[in-house]
Amino acid sequence: MALLVLVSTMSFTVDMHYCGGHLVDKAIFSEVKKCGMEMEFKTAENTVQKPSCCKDISITVEGQEELKISFEKHELQTLQFALLFSYSYISLFEPLAEKHIPFEQYSPPRLTLDRYILNETYLI
């Protein structure tokens, strides 16, 4: 149950770097490694970047923010169903009735001789 709560509240980002339509690197919790094909040249005033064949894609998976579920949002029919279902499920596990054993008070006879070993008679 704790693992389910941890996974449902965790957010993460998957970063991918494509170069020329081919996947070069992907990373989940760190930066992706670039292929080094980004081209830029410097002029006297500023740095200008040429169009590149590379592209970066980021996919973000957001986790659940609110964990407390209130029963105020549920309707009466839903609550009645949950109550009746839980009652019928619990009633499946009723204890079994005790069996009456009539010879429970009597002790077994004493074993004086083991006749099978004495006569060396064995069932195989």
PDB file of N, CA and C in Angstrom:
ATOM      1  N   MET A   1       0.820  -1.182   0.000  1.00  0.00           N
ATOM      2  CA  MET A   1       0.000   0.000   0.000  1.00  0.00           C
ATOM      3  C   MET A   1       0.877   1.264   0.000  1.00  0.00           C
ATOM      4  N   ALA A   2       1.963   1.194   0.773  1.00  0.00           N
ATOM      5  CA  ALA A   2       2.856   2.348   0.827  1.00  0.00           C
ATOM      6  C   ALA A   2       3.531   2.573  -0.522  1.00  0.00           C
ATOM      7  N   LEU A   3       3.846   1.487  -1.210  1.00  0.00           N
ATOM      8  CA  LEU A   3       4.459   1.607  -2.536  1.00  0.00           C
ATOM      9  C   LEU A   3       3.493   2.246  -3.532  1.00  0.00           C
ATOM     10  N   LEU A   4       2.224   1.907  -3.447  1.00  0.00           N
ATOM     11  CA  LEU A   4       1.211   2.498  -4.320  1.00  0.00           C
ATOM     12  C   LEU A   4       1.086   3.999  -4.074  1.00  0.00           C
ATOM     13  N   VAL A   5       1.104   4.421  -2.808  1.00  0.00           N
ATOM     14  CA  VAL A   5       1.032   5.851  -2.485  1.00  0.00           C
ATOM     15  C   VAL A   5       2.269   6.570  -2.992  1.00  0.00           C
ATOM     16  N   LEU A   6       3.434   5.946  -2.818  1.00  0.00           N
ATOM     17  CA  LEU A   6       4.674   6.565  -3.283  1.00  0.00           C
ATOM     18  C   LEU A   6       4.682   6.761  -4.794  1.00  0.00           C
ATOM     19  N   VAL A   7       4.282   5.738  -5.533  1.00  0.00           N
ATOM     20  CA  VAL A   7       4.293   5.820  -6.999  1.00  0.00           C
ATOM     21  C   VAL A   7       3.242   6.811  -7.499  1.00  0.00           C
ATOM     22  N   SER A   8       2.076   6.861  -6.856  1.00  0.00           N
ATOM     23  CA  SER A   8       1.020   7.751  -7.344  1.00  0.00           C
ATOM     24  C   SER A   8       1.306   9.214  -7.061  1.00  0.00           C
ATOM     25  N   THR A   9       2.150   9.530  -6.077  1.00  0.00           N
ATOM     26  CA  THR A   9       2.446  10.927  -5.775  1.00  0.00           C
ATOM     27  C   THR A   9       3.754  11.400  -6.398  1.00  0.00           C
ATOM     28  N   MET A  10       4.493  10.529  -7.044  1.00  0.00           N
ATOM     29  CA  MET A  10       5.783  10.895  -7.605  1.00  0.00           C
ATOM     30  C   MET A  10       5.619  11.524  -8.990  1.00  0.00           C
ATOM     31  N   SER A  11       6.316  12.631  -9.214  1.00  0.00           N
ATOM     32  CA  SER A  11       6.343  13.283 -10.521  1.00  0.00           C
ATOM     33  C   SER A  11       7.728  13.090 -11.130  1.00  0.00           C
ATOM     34  N   PHE A  12       7.788  12.915 -12.442  1.00  0.00           N
ATOM     35  CA  PHE A  12       9.081  12.784 -13.087  1.00  0.00           C
ATOM     36  C   PHE A  12       8.983  13.272 -14.527  1.00  0.00           C
ATOM     37  N   THR A  13      10.162  13.539 -15.108  1.00  0.00           N
ATOM     38  CA  THR A  13      10.266  14.038 -16.475  1.00  0.00           C
ATOM     39  C   THR A  13      11.201  13.127 -17.273  1.00  0.00           C
ATOM     40  N   VAL A  14      10.782  12.775 -18.468  1.00  0.00           N
ATOM     41  CA  VAL A  14      11.614  11.985 -19.370  1.00  0.00           C
ATOM     42  C   VAL A  14      12.086  12.917 -20.479  1.00  0.00           C
ATOM     43  N   ASP A  15      13.404  13.094 -20.577  1.00  0.00           N
ATOM     44  CA  ASP A  15      13.993  13.944 -21.612  1.00  0.00           C
ATOM     45  C   ASP A  15      14.610  13.053 -22.683  1.00  0.00           C
ATOM     46  N   MET A  16      14.381  13.435 -23.961  1.00  0.00           N
ATOM     47  CA  MET A  16      14.933  12.676 -25.088  1.00  0.00           C
ATOM     48  C   MET A  16      15.601  13.641 -26.051  1.00  0.00           C
ATOM     49  N   HIS A  17      16.724  13.218 -26.616  1.00  0.00           N
ATOM     50  CA  HIS A  17      17.449  14.030 -27.591  1.00  0.00           C
ATOM     51  C   HIS A  17      17.504  13.267 -28.909  1.00  0.00           C
ATOM     52  N   TYR A  18      16.936  13.871 -29.946  1.00  0.00           N
ATOM     53  CA  TYR A  18      16.927  13.289 -31.287  1.00  0.00           C
ATOM     54  C   TYR A  18      17.890  14.074 -32.170  1.00  0.00           C
ATOM     55  N   CYS A  19      18.637  13.349 -32.963  1.00  0.00           N
ATOM     56  CA  CYS A  19      19.520  13.994 -33.931  1.00  0.00           C
ATOM     57  C   CYS A  19      19.265  13.355 -35.295  1.00  0.00           C
ATOM     58  N   GLY A  20      18.734  14.124 -36.198  1.00  0.00           N
ATOM     59  CA  GLY A  20      18.438  13.629 -37.534  1.00  0.00           C
ATOM     60  C   GLY A  20      17.341  12.582 -37.541  1.00  0.00           C
ATOM     61  N   GLY A  21      16.433  12.646 -36.601  1.00  0.00           N
ATOM     62  CA  GLY A  21      15.331  11.702 -36.543  1.00  0.00           C
ATOM     63  C   GLY A  21      15.642  10.428 -35.780  1.00  0.00           C
ATOM     64  N   HIS A  22      16.861  10.285 -35.273  1.00  0.00           N
ATOM     65  CA  HIS A  22      17.256   9.096 -34.513  1.00  0.00           C
ATOM     66  C   HIS A  22      17.452   9.462 -33.049  1.00  0.00           C
ATOM     67  N   LEU A  23      16.992   8.606 -32.161  1.00  0.00           N
ATOM     68  CA  LEU A  23      17.129   8.831 -30.725  1.00  0.00           C
ATOM     69  C   LEU A  23      18.582   8.636 -30.328  1.00  0.00           C
ATOM     70  N   VAL A  24      19.178   9.689 -29.760  1.00  0.00           N
ATOM     71  CA  VAL A  24      20.572   9.634 -29.348  1.00  0.00           C
ATOM     72  C   VAL A  24      20.680   9.271 -27.868  1.00  0.00           C
ATOM     73  N   ASP A  25      19.868   9.924 -27.002  1.00  0.00           N
ATOM     74  CA  ASP A  25      19.946   9.672 -25.571  1.00  0.00           C
ATOM     75  C   ASP A  25      18.599   9.979 -24.938  1.00  0.00           C
ATOM     76  N   LYS A  26      18.325   9.260 -23.839  1.00  0.00           N
ATOM     77  CA  LYS A  26      17.135   9.544 -23.052  1.00  0.00           C
ATOM     78  C   LYS A  26      17.526   9.481 -21.584  1.00  0.00           C
ATOM     79  N   ALA A  27      16.876  10.310 -20.771  1.00  0.00           N
ATOM     80  CA  ALA A  27      17.193  10.362 -19.347  1.00  0.00           C
ATOM     81  C   ALA A  27      15.909  10.629 -18.574  1.00  0.00           C
ATOM     82  N   ILE A  28      15.839  10.041 -17.385  1.00  0.00           N
ATOM     83  CA  ILE A  28      14.637  10.229 -16.573  1.00  0.00           C
ATOM     84  C   ILE A  28      14.858  11.276 -15.503  1.00  0.00           C
ATOM     85  N   PHE A  29      15.902  11.153 -14.696  1.00  0.00           N
ATOM     86  CA  PHE A  29      16.126  12.083 -13.599  1.00  0.00           C
ATOM     87  C   PHE A  29      17.359  12.965 -13.807  1.00  0.00           C
ATOM     88  N   SER A  30      17.965  12.942 -14.984  1.00  0.00           N
ATOM     89  CA  SER A  30      19.166  13.735 -15.230  1.00  0.00           C
ATOM     90  C   SER A  30      19.066  14.403 -16.595  1.00  0.00           C
ATOM     91  N   GLU A  31      20.106  15.170 -16.921  1.00  0.00           N
ATOM     92  CA  GLU A  31      20.163  15.857 -18.215  1.00  0.00           C
ATOM     93  C   GLU A  31      20.536  14.864 -19.313  1.00  0.00           C
ATOM     94  N   VAL A  32      19.991  15.077 -20.518  1.00  0.00           N
ATOM     95  CA  VAL A  32      20.359  14.212 -21.637  1.00  0.00           C
ATOM     96  C   VAL A  32      21.701  14.651 -22.199  1.00  0.00           C
ATOM     97  N   LYS A  33      22.439  13.707 -22.741  1.00  0.00           N
ATOM     98  CA  LYS A  33      23.717  14.033 -23.369  1.00  0.00           C
ATOM     99  C   LYS A  33      23.445  14.474 -24.797  1.00  0.00           C
ATOM    100  N   LYS A  34      24.015  15.596 -25.170  1.00  0.00           N
ATOM    101  CA  LYS A  34      23.839  16.134 -26.524  1.00  0.00           C
ATOM    102  C   LYS A  34      24.809  15.447 -27.468  1.00  0.00           C
ATOM    103  N   CYS A  35      24.467  15.470 -28.737  1.00  0.00           N
ATOM    104  CA  CYS A  35      25.327  14.818 -29.731  1.00  0.00           C
ATOM    105  C   CYS A  35      26.441  15.740 -30.217  1.00  0.00           C
ATOM    106  N   GLY A  36      26.381  17.028 -29.920  1.00  0.00           N
ATOM    107  CA  GLY A  36      27.429  17.960 -30.323  1.00  0.00           C
ATOM    108  C   GLY A  36      27.242  18.513 -31.719  1.00  0.00           C
ATOM    109  N   MET A  37      26.075  18.333 -32.307  1.00  0.00           N
ATOM    110  CA  MET A  37      25.837  18.798 -33.674  1.00  0.00           C
ATOM    111  C   MET A  37      25.206  20.185 -33.714  1.00  0.00           C
ATOM    112  N   GLU A  38      24.956  20.799 -32.554  1.00  0.00           N
ATOM    113  CA  GLU A  38      24.381  22.145 -32.554  1.00  0.00           C
ATOM    114  C   GLU A  38      25.421  23.116 -33.115  1.00  0.00           C
ATOM    115  N   MET A  39      25.029  23.886 -34.111  1.00  0.00           N
ATOM    116  CA  MET A  39      25.967  24.788 -34.782  1.00  0.00           C
ATOM    117  C   MET A  39      25.643  26.221 -34.391  1.00  0.00           C
ATOM    118  N   GLU A  40      26.670  26.950 -34.052  1.00  0.00           N
ATOM    119  CA  GLU A  40      26.488  28.374 -33.782  1.00  0.00           C
ATOM    120  C   GLU A  40      27.751  29.110 -34.239  1.00  0.00           C
ATOM    121  N   PHE A  41      27.551  30.342 -34.635  1.00  0.00           N
ATOM    122  CA  PHE A  41      28.701  31.153 -35.024  1.00  0.00           C
ATOM    123  C   PHE A  41      28.550  32.517 -34.384  1.00  0.00           C
ATOM    124  N   LYS A  42      29.680  33.150 -34.162  1.00  0.00           N
ATOM    125  CA  LYS A  42      29.695  34.424 -33.449  1.00  0.00           C
ATOM    126  C   LYS A  42      29.931  35.565 -34.438  1.00  0.00           C
ATOM    127  N   THR A  43      29.193  36.626 -34.205  1.00  0.00           N
ATOM    128  CA  THR A  43      29.427  37.864 -34.943  1.00  0.00           C
ATOM    129  C   THR A  43      29.965  38.867 -33.938  1.00  0.00           C
ATOM    130  N   ALA A  44      30.217  40.044 -34.363  1.00  0.00           N
ATOM    131  CA  ALA A  44      30.771  41.062 -33.480  1.00  0.00           C
ATOM    132  C   ALA A  44      29.771  41.462 -32.402  1.00  0.00           C
ATOM    133  N   GLU A  45      28.473  41.456 -32.726  1.00  0.00           N
ATOM    134  CA  GLU A  45      27.486  41.938 -31.771  1.00  0.00           C
ATOM    135  C   GLU A  45      26.928  40.824 -30.874  1.00  0.00           C
ATOM    136  N   ASN A  46      26.578  39.710 -31.457  1.00  0.00           N
ATOM    137  CA  ASN A  46      25.930  38.655 -30.668  1.00  0.00           C
ATOM    138  C   ASN A  46      26.210  37.278 -31.264  1.00  0.00           C
ATOM    139  N   THR A  47      25.702  36.296 -30.594  1.00  0.00           N
ATOM    140  CA  THR A  47      25.857  34.920 -31.049  1.00  0.00           C
ATOM    141  C   THR A  47      24.596  34.515 -31.790  1.00  0.00           C
ATOM    142  N   VAL A  48      24.761  33.969 -32.981  1.00  0.00           N
ATOM    143  CA  VAL A  48      23.630  33.547 -33.791  1.00  0.00           C
ATOM    144  C   VAL A  48      23.701  32.028 -33.934  1.00  0.00           C
ATOM    145  N   GLN A  49      22.554  31.391 -33.803  1.00  0.00           N
ATOM    146  CA  GLN A  49      22.520  29.933 -33.909  1.00  0.00           C
ATOM    147  C   GLN A  49      21.827  29.543 -35.210  1.00  0.00           C
ATOM    148  N   LYS A  50      22.460  28.661 -35.975  1.00  0.00           N
ATOM    149  CA  LYS A  50      21.875  28.175 -37.221  1.00  0.00           C
ATOM    150  C   LYS A  50      20.818  27.123 -36.900  1.00  0.00           C
ATOM    151  N   PRO A  51      19.887  26.906 -37.813  1.00  0.00           N
ATOM    152  CA  PRO A  51      18.930  25.826 -37.598  1.00  0.00           C
ATOM    153  C   PRO A  51      19.666  24.489 -37.502  1.00  0.00           C
ATOM    154  N   SER A  52      19.262  23.690 -36.573  1.00  0.00           N
ATOM    155  CA  SER A  52      19.964  22.446 -36.304  1.00  0.00           C
ATOM    156  C   SER A  52      19.101  21.252 -36.698  1.00  0.00           C
ATOM    157  N   CYS A  53      19.750  20.119 -36.874  1.00  0.00           N
ATOM    158  CA  CYS A  53      19.025  18.889 -37.177  1.00  0.00           C
ATOM    159  C   CYS A  53      18.596  18.184 -35.893  1.00  0.00           C
ATOM    160  N   CYS A  54      18.978  18.738 -34.747  1.00  0.00           N
ATOM    161  CA  CYS A  54      18.697  18.109 -33.461  1.00  0.00           C
ATOM    162  C   CYS A  54      17.423  18.678 -32.844  1.00  0.00           C
ATOM    163  N   LYS A  55      16.797  17.881 -32.027  1.00  0.00           N
ATOM    164  CA  LYS A  55      15.593  18.334 -31.350  1.00  0.00           C
ATOM    165  C   LYS A  55      15.506  17.645 -29.999  1.00  0.00           C
ATOM    166  N   ASP A  56      15.065  18.387 -28.976  1.00  0.00           N
ATOM    167  CA  ASP A  56      14.891  17.856 -27.618  1.00  0.00           C
ATOM    168  C   ASP A  56      13.404  17.757 -27.307  1.00  0.00           C
ATOM    169  N   ILE A  57      13.002  16.634 -26.705  1.00  0.00           N
ATOM    170  CA  ILE A  57      11.607  16.417 -26.317  1.00  0.00           C
ATOM    171  C   ILE A  57      11.577  16.086 -24.832  1.00  0.00           C
ATOM    172  N   SER A  58      10.661  16.724 -24.108  1.00  0.00           N
ATOM    173  CA  SER A  58      10.490  16.459 -22.677  1.00  0.00           C
ATOM    174  C   SER A  58       9.059  16.016 -22.428  1.00  0.00           C
ATOM    175  N   ILE A  59       8.897  14.912 -21.731  1.00  0.00           N
ATOM    176  CA  ILE A  59       7.576  14.412 -21.344  1.00  0.00           C
ATOM    177  C   ILE A  59       7.522  14.444 -19.826  1.00  0.00           C
ATOM    178  N   THR A  60       6.546  15.158 -19.274  1.00  0.00           N
ATOM    179  CA  THR A  60       6.416  15.302 -17.830  1.00  0.00           C
ATOM    180  C   THR A  60       5.193  14.537 -17.352  1.00  0.00           C
ATOM    181  N   VAL A  61       5.379  13.711 -16.328  1.00  0.00           N
ATOM    182  CA  VAL A  61       4.285  12.960 -15.705  1.00  0.00           C
ATOM    183  C   VAL A  61       4.082  13.558 -14.322  1.00  0.00           C
ATOM    184  N   GLU A  62       2.916  14.152 -14.123  1.00  0.00           N
ATOM    185  CA  GLU A  62       2.606  14.788 -12.841  1.00  0.00           C
ATOM    186  C   GLU A  62       1.961  13.778 -11.909  1.00  0.00           C
ATOM    187  N   GLY A  63       2.382  13.783 -10.661  1.00  0.00           N
ATOM    188  CA  GLY A  63       1.815  12.899  -9.653  1.00  0.00           C
ATOM    189  C   GLY A  63       0.581  13.508  -9.027  1.00  0.00           C
ATOM    190  N   GLN A  64      -0.077  12.734  -8.224  1.00  0.00           N
ATOM    191  CA  GLN A  64      -1.296  13.174  -7.550  1.00  0.00           C
ATOM    192  C   GLN A  64      -0.910  14.128  -6.427  1.00  0.00           C
ATOM    193  N   GLU A  65      -1.602  15.245  -6.327  1.00  0.00           N
ATOM    194  CA  GLU A  65      -1.289  16.235  -5.312  1.00  0.00           C
ATOM    195  C   GLU A  65      -2.062  16.004  -4.024  1.00  0.00           C
ATOM    196  N   GLU A  66      -3.313  15.629  -4.129  1.00  0.00           N
ATOM    197  CA  GLU A  66      -4.178  15.514  -2.963  1.00  0.00           C
ATOM    198  C   GLU A  66      -4.441  14.043  -2.669  1.00  0.00           C
ATOM    199  N   LEU A  67      -4.111  13.623  -1.446  1.00  0.00           N
ATOM    200  CA  LEU A  67      -4.271  12.216  -1.097  1.00  0.00           C
ATOM    201  C   LEU A  67      -5.534  11.936  -0.293  1.00  0.00           C
ATOM    202  N   LYS A  68      -6.046  12.923   0.403  1.00  0.00           N
ATOM    203  CA  LYS A  68      -7.203  12.692   1.267  1.00  0.00           C
ATOM    204  C   LYS A  68      -8.468  12.668   0.414  1.00  0.00           C
ATOM    205  N   ILE A  69      -9.192  11.572   0.519  1.00  0.00           N
ATOM    206  CA  ILE A  69     -10.450  11.435  -0.218  1.00  0.00           C
ATOM    207  C   ILE A  69     -11.582  11.636   0.781  1.00  0.00           C
ATOM    208  N   SER A  70     -12.430  12.590   0.514  1.00  0.00           N
ATOM    209  CA  SER A  70     -13.519  12.855   1.450  1.00  0.00           C
ATOM    210  C   SER A  70     -14.766  12.098   1.016  1.00  0.00           C
ATOM    211  N   PHE A  71     -15.562  11.700   1.993  1.00  0.00           N
ATOM    212  CA  PHE A  71     -16.793  10.975   1.713  1.00  0.00           C
ATOM    213  C   PHE A  71     -17.947  11.919   1.411  1.00  0.00           C
ATOM    214  N   GLU A  72     -17.713  13.215   1.451  1.00  0.00           N
ATOM    215  CA  GLU A  72     -18.769  14.175   1.147  1.00  0.00           C
ATOM    216  C   GLU A  72     -19.103  14.183  -0.346  1.00  0.00           C
ATOM    217  N   LYS A  73     -18.162  13.785  -1.169  1.00  0.00           N
ATOM    218  CA  LYS A  73     -18.379  13.804  -2.612  1.00  0.00           C
ATOM    219  C   LYS A  73     -19.223  12.624  -3.084  1.00  0.00           C
ATOM    220  N   HIS A  74     -19.270  11.544  -2.296  1.00  0.00           N
ATOM    221  CA  HIS A  74     -19.990  10.346  -2.710  1.00  0.00           C
ATOM    222  C   HIS A  74     -21.485  10.476  -2.428  1.00  0.00           C
ATOM    223  N   GLU A  75     -22.245   9.803  -3.230  1.00  0.00           N
ATOM    224  CA  GLU A  75     -23.686   9.824  -3.054  1.00  0.00           C
ATOM    225  C   GLU A  75     -24.103   8.763  -2.043  1.00  0.00           C
ATOM    226  N   LEU A  76     -25.336   8.836  -1.604  1.00  0.00           N
ATOM    227  CA  LEU A  76     -25.865   7.918  -0.604  1.00  0.00           C
ATOM    228  C   LEU A  76     -25.887   6.483  -1.145  1.00  0.00           C
ATOM    229  N   GLN A  77     -26.237   6.311  -2.412  1.00  0.00           N
ATOM    230  CA  GLN A  77     -26.307   4.969  -2.988  1.00  0.00           C
ATOM    231  C   GLN A  77     -24.931   4.307  -3.021  1.00  0.00           C
ATOM    232  N   THR A  78     -23.898   5.077  -3.303  1.00  0.00           N
ATOM    233  CA  THR A  78     -22.548   4.530  -3.332  1.00  0.00           C
ATOM    234  C   THR A  78     -22.122   4.089  -1.941  1.00  0.00           C
ATOM    235  N   LEU A  79     -22.424   4.882  -0.930  1.00  0.00           N
ATOM    236  CA  LEU A  79     -22.072   4.528   0.436  1.00  0.00           C
ATOM    237  C   LEU A  79     -22.857   3.304   0.908  1.00  0.00           C
ATOM    238  N   GLN A  80     -24.125   3.206   0.529  1.00  0.00           N
ATOM    239  CA  GLN A  80     -24.916   2.037   0.907  1.00  0.00           C
ATOM    240  C   GLN A  80     -24.361   0.774   0.250  1.00  0.00           C
ATOM    241  N   PHE A  81     -23.984   0.884  -1.006  1.00  0.00           N
ATOM    242  CA  PHE A  81     -23.405  -0.266  -1.695  1.00  0.00           C
ATOM    243  C   PHE A  81     -22.113  -0.702  -1.018  1.00  0.00           C
ATOM    244  N   ALA A  82     -21.257   0.238  -0.667  1.00  0.00           N
ATOM    245  CA  ALA A  82     -19.991  -0.108  -0.021  1.00  0.00           C
ATOM    246  C   ALA A  82     -20.237  -0.769   1.331  1.00  0.00           C
ATOM    247  N   LEU A  83     -21.198  -0.288   2.087  1.00  0.00           N
ATOM    248  CA  LEU A  83     -21.507  -0.867   3.385  1.00  0.00           C
ATOM    249  C   LEU A  83     -22.046  -2.289   3.239  1.00  0.00           C
ATOM    250  N   LEU A  84     -22.994  -2.490   2.333  1.00  0.00           N
ATOM    251  CA  LEU A  84     -23.576  -3.818   2.147  1.00  0.00           C
ATOM    252  C   LEU A  84     -22.567  -4.816   1.568  1.00  0.00           C
ATOM    253  N   PHE A  85     -21.724  -4.355   0.681  1.00  0.00           N
ATOM    254  CA  PHE A  85     -20.708  -5.232   0.111  1.00  0.00           C
ATOM    255  C   PHE A  85     -19.720  -5.682   1.184  1.00  0.00           C
ATOM    256  N   SER A  86     -19.251  -4.748   2.015  1.00  0.00           N
ATOM    257  CA  SER A  86     -18.306  -5.120   3.062  1.00  0.00           C
ATOM    258  C   SER A  86     -18.953  -6.046   4.084  1.00  0.00           C
ATOM    259  N   TYR A  87     -20.233  -5.835   4.432  1.00  0.00           N
ATOM    260  CA  TYR A  87     -20.921  -6.702   5.380  1.00  0.00           C
ATOM    261  C   TYR A  87     -21.066  -8.120   4.815  1.00  0.00           C
ATOM    262  N   SER A  88     -21.453  -8.219   3.538  1.00  0.00           N
ATOM    263  CA  SER A  88     -21.622  -9.545   2.946  1.00  0.00           C
ATOM    264  C   SER A  88     -20.281 -10.249   2.764  1.00  0.00           C
ATOM    265  N   TYR A  89     -19.223  -9.513   2.518  1.00  0.00           N
ATOM    266  CA  TYR A  89     -17.902 -10.114   2.357  1.00  0.00           C
ATOM    267  C   TYR A  89     -17.388 -10.642   3.693  1.00  0.00           C
ATOM    268  N   ILE A  90     -17.596  -9.881   4.755  1.00  0.00           N
ATOM    269  CA  ILE A  90     -17.138 -10.309   6.077  1.00  0.00           C
ATOM    270  C   ILE A  90     -17.932 -11.523   6.553  1.00  0.00           C
ATOM    271  N   SER A  91     -19.219 -11.591   6.203  1.00  0.00           N
ATOM    272  CA  SER A  91     -20.037 -12.703   6.661  1.00  0.00           C
ATOM    273  C   SER A  91     -19.654 -14.027   5.974  1.00  0.00           C
ATOM    274  N   LEU A  92     -18.861 -13.993   4.924  1.00  0.00           N
ATOM    275  CA  LEU A  92     -18.386 -15.222   4.291  1.00  0.00           C
ATOM    276  C   LEU A  92     -17.429 -15.988   5.190  1.00  0.00           C
ATOM    277  N   PHE A  93     -16.775 -15.275   6.096  1.00  0.00           N
ATOM    278  CA  PHE A  93     -15.737 -15.876   6.915  1.00  0.00           C
ATOM    279  C   PHE A  93     -16.209 -16.141   8.346  1.00  0.00           C
ATOM    280  N   GLU A  94     -17.424 -16.646   8.512  1.00  0.00           N
ATOM    281  CA  GLU A  94     -17.919 -16.999   9.836  1.00  0.00           C
ATOM    282  C   GLU A  94     -17.226 -18.275  10.304  1.00  0.00           C
ATOM    283  N   PRO A  95     -17.018 -18.409  11.618  1.00  0.00           N
ATOM    284  CA  PRO A  95     -16.339 -19.616  12.108  1.00  0.00           C
ATOM    285  C   PRO A  95     -17.235 -20.842  11.952  1.00  0.00           C
ATOM    286  N   LEU A  96     -16.603 -21.991  11.772  1.00  0.00           N
ATOM    287  CA  LEU A  96     -17.334 -23.239  11.620  1.00  0.00           C
ATOM    288  C   LEU A  96     -17.825 -23.722  12.984  1.00  0.00           C
ATOM    289  N   ALA A  97     -18.917 -24.481  12.987  1.00  0.00           N
ATOM    290  CA  ALA A  97     -19.450 -25.025  14.226  1.00  0.00           C
ATOM    291  C   ALA A  97     -18.520 -26.132  14.729  1.00  0.00           C
ATOM    292  N   GLU A  98     -18.441 -26.256  16.063  1.00  0.00           N
ATOM    293  CA  GLU A  98     -17.567 -27.274  16.638  1.00  0.00           C
ATOM    294  C   GLU A  98     -18.156 -28.663  16.422  1.00  0.00           C
ATOM    295  N   LYS A  99     -17.297 -29.605  16.126  1.00  0.00           N
ATOM    296  CA  LYS A  99     -17.741 -30.985  15.941  1.00  0.00           C
ATOM    297  C   LYS A  99     -17.774 -31.681  17.303  1.00  0.00           C
ATOM    298  N   HIS A 100     -18.763 -32.511  17.486  1.00  0.00           N
ATOM    299  CA  HIS A 100     -18.873 -33.286  18.723  1.00  0.00           C
ATOM    300  C   HIS A 100     -18.162 -34.619  18.530  1.00  0.00           C
ATOM    301  N   ILE A 101     -17.125 -34.849  19.342  1.00  0.00           N
ATOM    302  CA  ILE A 101     -16.368 -36.094  19.271  1.00  0.00           C
ATOM    303  C   ILE A 101     -16.759 -36.914  20.499  1.00  0.00           C
ATOM    304  N   PRO A 102     -17.474 -38.049  20.312  1.00  0.00           N
ATOM    305  CA  PRO A 102     -17.994 -38.785  21.469  1.00  0.00           C
ATOM    306  C   PRO A 102     -16.916 -39.495  22.288  1.00  0.00           C
ATOM    307  N   PHE A 103     -15.788 -39.855  21.725  1.00  0.00           N
ATOM    308  CA  PHE A 103     -14.760 -40.606  22.444  1.00  0.00           C
ATOM    309  C   PHE A 103     -13.596 -39.726  22.875  1.00  0.00           C
ATOM    310  N   GLU A 104     -13.836 -38.432  22.992  1.00  0.00           N
ATOM    311  CA  GLU A 104     -12.767 -37.509  23.334  1.00  0.00           C
ATOM    312  C   GLU A 104     -12.285 -37.720  24.772  1.00  0.00           C
ATOM    313  N   GLN A 105     -13.144 -38.175  25.654  1.00  0.00           N
ATOM    314  CA  GLN A 105     -12.790 -38.343  27.068  1.00  0.00           C
ATOM    315  C   GLN A 105     -11.972 -39.604  27.322  1.00  0.00           C
ATOM    316  N   TYR A 106     -11.983 -40.550  26.431  1.00  0.00           N
ATOM    317  CA  TYR A 106     -11.308 -41.818  26.638  1.00  0.00           C
ATOM    318  C   TYR A 106      -9.889 -41.767  26.099  1.00  0.00           C
ATOM    319  N   SER A 107      -8.988 -42.391  26.813  1.00  0.00           N
ATOM    320  CA  SER A 107      -7.600 -42.445  26.358  1.00  0.00           C
ATOM    321  C   SER A 107      -7.397 -43.706  25.508  1.00  0.00           C
ATOM    322  N   PRO A 108      -6.428 -43.712  24.610  1.00  0.00           N
ATOM    323  CA  PRO A 108      -6.192 -44.882  23.766  1.00  0.00           C
ATOM    324  C   PRO A 108      -5.574 -46.008  24.595  1.00  0.00           C
ATOM    325  N   PRO A 109      -5.711 -47.247  24.135  1.00  0.00           N
ATOM    326  CA  PRO A 109      -5.110 -48.364  24.879  1.00  0.00           C
ATOM    327  C   PRO A 109      -3.585 -48.300  24.824  1.00  0.00           C
ATOM    328  N   ARG A 110      -2.980 -48.861  25.843  1.00  0.00           N
ATOM    329  CA  ARG A 110      -1.517 -48.858  25.894  1.00  0.00           C
ATOM    330  C   ARG A 110      -0.959 -49.849  24.874  1.00  0.00           C
ATOM    331  N   LEU A 111       0.104 -49.482  24.289  1.00  0.00           N
ATOM    332  CA  LEU A 111       0.763 -50.330  23.303  1.00  0.00           C
ATOM    333  C   LEU A 111       1.884 -51.080  24.013  1.00  0.00           C
ATOM    334  N   THR A 112       1.669 -52.351  24.233  1.00  0.00           N
ATOM    335  CA  THR A 112       2.675 -53.125  24.955  1.00  0.00           C
ATOM    336  C   THR A 112       3.696 -53.724  24.012  1.00  0.00           C
ATOM    337  N   LEU A 113       3.225 -54.323  22.942  1.00  0.00           N
ATOM    338  CA  LEU A 113       4.121 -54.921  21.964  1.00  0.00           C
ATOM    339  C   LEU A 113       3.749 -54.422  20.574  1.00  0.00           C
ATOM    340  N   ASP A 114       4.748 -54.147  19.810  1.00  0.00           N
ATOM    341  CA  ASP A 114       4.505 -53.775  18.420  1.00  0.00           C
ATOM    342  C   ASP A 114       4.503 -55.069  17.609  1.00  0.00           C
ATOM    343  N   ARG A 115       3.337 -55.623  17.345  1.00  0.00           N
ATOM    344  CA  ARG A 115       3.208 -56.953  16.754  1.00  0.00           C
ATOM    345  C   ARG A 115       3.724 -56.998  15.309  1.00  0.00           C
ATOM    346  N   TYR A 116       3.633 -55.891  14.593  1.00  0.00           N
ATOM    347  CA  TYR A 116       4.115 -55.918  13.211  1.00  0.00           C
ATOM    348  C   TYR A 116       5.634 -56.121  13.172  1.00  0.00           C
ATOM    349  N   ILE A 117       6.327 -55.452  14.055  1.00  0.00           N
ATOM    350  CA  ILE A 117       7.780 -55.602  14.077  1.00  0.00           C
ATOM    351  C   ILE A 117       8.170 -56.948  14.691  1.00  0.00           C
ATOM    352  N   LEU A 118       7.381 -57.375  15.685  1.00  0.00           N
ATOM    353  CA  LEU A 118       7.673 -58.657  16.325  1.00  0.00           C
ATOM    354  C   LEU A 118       7.564 -59.810  15.334  1.00  0.00           C
ATOM    355  N   ASN A 119       6.564 -59.798  14.489  1.00  0.00           N
ATOM    356  CA  ASN A 119       6.372 -60.865  13.499  1.00  0.00           C
ATOM    357  C   ASN A 119       7.028 -60.541  12.156  1.00  0.00           C
ATOM    358  N   GLU A 120       7.604 -59.359  12.055  1.00  0.00           N
ATOM    359  CA  GLU A 120       8.230 -58.857  10.823  1.00  0.00           C
ATOM    360  C   GLU A 120       7.279 -58.928   9.638  1.00  0.00           C
ATOM    361  N   THR A 121       6.083 -58.363   9.863  1.00  0.00           N
ATOM    362  CA  THR A 121       5.070 -58.305   8.832  1.00  0.00           C
ATOM    363  C   THR A 121       4.957 -56.852   8.362  1.00  0.00           C
ATOM    364  N   TYR A 122       5.242 -56.608   7.092  1.00  0.00           N
ATOM    365  CA  TYR A 122       5.226 -55.249   6.563  1.00  0.00           C
ATOM    366  C   TYR A 122       4.353 -55.201   5.325  1.00  0.00           C
ATOM    367  N   LEU A 123       3.609 -54.118   5.176  1.00  0.00           N
ATOM    368  CA  LEU A 123       2.820 -53.917   3.953  1.00  0.00           C
ATOM    369  C   LEU A 123       3.645 -53.083   2.996  1.00  0.00           C
ATOM    370  N   ILE A 124       3.784 -53.577   1.808  1.00  0.00           N
ATOM    371  CA  ILE A 124       4.593 -52.853   0.826  1.00  0.00           C
ATOM    372  C   ILE A 124       3.712 -52.471  -0.336  1.00  0.00           C
TER     373      ILE A 124
END
